[in-house]
Amino acid sequence: MNPEAYLEMADTESRHWWFRARRRILANTIESLRLPDGARILEIGSGTGGNLKMLSQFGKVSGVEMDETARNIATEKTVGVFDIRNGICPTEMPF
């Protein structure tokens, strides 16, 4: 993907209705699973990190992202709180 698209996504995903609604739907779905305390969650395709904080309310979150630009944005945006590694599903999974 064009690096400029990642910059635009990182700028809008916290406030745009589509991203917010998608996170709400995902959170409701995960909540219904009743995961155990301390669940380990892996987001494959973390993009610019817009879902990581939401996911962290359900357990310990790590991410995989193949694009270096997106991965760097996610790491910077989340102040390095999450372990986001380079990888490609299913052939190059670092976890």
Protein backbone atom coordinates (compact mmCIF):
# COMPACT_ATOMS: atom_id res chain seq x y z
CA MET A 1 0.00 0.00 0.00
CA ASN A 2 1.11 3.55 -0.61
CA PRO A 3 2.85 4.96 2.51
CA GLU A 4 0.76 8.13 2.17
CA ALA A 5 -2.38 6.02 2.65
CA TYR A 6 -1.03 4.78 5.99
CA LEU A 7 -0.36 8.33 7.09
CA GLU A 8 -3.93 9.29 6.20
CA MET A 9 -5.32 6.22 7.97
CA ALA A 10 -3.33 6.97 11.12
CA ASP A 11 -4.65 10.51 11.08
CA THR A 12 -8.33 9.58 10.72
CA GLU A 13 -8.85 6.18 12.37
CA SER A 14 -9.39 7.59 15.86
CA ARG A 15 -12.28 9.85 14.84
CA HIS A 16 -13.81 8.64 11.56
CA TRP A 17 -17.20 6.96 12.02
CA TRP A 18 -16.28 3.87 9.99
CA PHE A 19 -13.20 3.01 12.08
CA ARG A 20 -15.01 3.79 15.35
CA ALA A 21 -18.05 1.69 14.43
CA ARG A 22 -15.87 -1.21 13.33
CA ARG A 23 -13.99 -1.12 16.66
CA ARG A 24 -17.30 -1.05 18.57
CA ILE A 25 -18.59 -4.08 16.66
CA LEU A 26 -15.33 -5.93 17.20
CA ALA A 27 -15.29 -5.09 20.93
CA ASN A 28 -18.87 -6.34 21.35
CA THR A 29 -18.00 -9.57 19.55
CA ILE A 30 -14.88 -10.17 21.63
CA GLU A 31 -16.74 -9.35 24.84
CA SER A 32 -19.29 -12.05 24.01
CA LEU A 33 -16.47 -14.62 23.91
CA ARG A 34 -15.82 -14.12 27.64
CA LEU A 35 -12.09 -14.61 27.30
CA PRO A 36 -10.20 -15.63 30.44
CA ASP A 37 -8.28 -13.04 32.44
CA GLY A 38 -4.85 -12.50 30.95
CA ALA A 39 -5.85 -13.78 27.51
CA ARG A 40 -3.19 -13.36 24.84
CA ILE A 41 -4.47 -11.60 21.74
CA LEU A 42 -2.65 -11.44 18.41
CA GLU A 43 -3.82 -8.93 15.84
CA ILE A 44 -2.66 -10.06 12.42
CA GLY A 45 -2.46 -7.05 10.13
CA SER A 46 -2.19 -4.36 12.80
CA GLY A 47 -1.92 -1.59 10.24
CA THR A 48 -1.28 1.72 11.97
CA GLY A 49 -2.40 0.39 15.35
CA GLY A 50 -5.93 1.73 15.58
CA ASN A 51 -7.35 -1.41 17.23
CA LEU A 52 -4.55 -2.19 19.67
CA LYS A 53 -5.77 -0.08 22.59
CA MET A 54 -9.32 -1.41 22.27
CA LEU A 55 -8.05 -4.98 22.12
CA SER A 56 -5.96 -4.45 25.24
CA GLN A 57 -9.10 -4.27 27.40
CA PHE A 58 -9.50 -8.00 26.74
CA GLY A 59 -5.95 -9.21 27.37
CA LYS A 60 -2.28 -8.85 26.50
CA VAL A 61 -2.03 -7.71 22.89
CA SER A 62 0.69 -8.27 20.30
CA GLY A 63 0.57 -7.50 16.61
CA VAL A 64 1.93 -8.58 13.26
CA GLU A 65 2.22 -6.12 10.38
CA MET A 66 4.09 -6.69 7.13
CA ASP A 67 4.37 -3.05 6.07
CA GLU A 68 7.26 -1.21 7.71
CA THR A 69 5.62 2.22 7.42
CA ALA A 70 2.40 1.06 9.08
CA ARG A 71 4.34 -0.85 11.76
CA ASN A 72 6.45 2.21 12.59
CA ILE A 73 3.36 4.42 12.82
CA ALA A 74 1.64 1.89 15.12
CA THR A 75 4.69 1.62 17.37
CA GLU A 76 5.05 5.40 17.56
CA LYS A 77 1.33 6.00 18.07
CA THR A 78 1.13 3.48 20.92
CA VAL A 79 4.41 4.67 22.47
CA GLY A 80 5.89 1.19 22.15
CA VAL A 81 3.40 -0.35 24.59
CA PHE A 82 2.57 -3.23 22.25
CA ASP A 83 4.89 -5.82 20.72
CA ILE A 84 4.33 -5.30 16.99
CA ARG A 85 6.51 -7.50 14.82
CA ASN A 86 7.22 -7.83 11.13
CA GLY A 87 5.47 -10.81 9.61
CA ILE A 88 3.21 -12.20 6.93
CA CYS A 89 0.37 -14.61 7.57
CA PRO A 90 0.62 -17.57 7.26
CA THR A 91 4.16 -18.05 6.02
CA GLU A 92 6.27 -15.70 8.18
CA MET A 93 4.69 -15.54 11.62
CA PRO A 94 7.06 -14.28 14.33
CA PHE A 95 4.80 -15.63 17.11
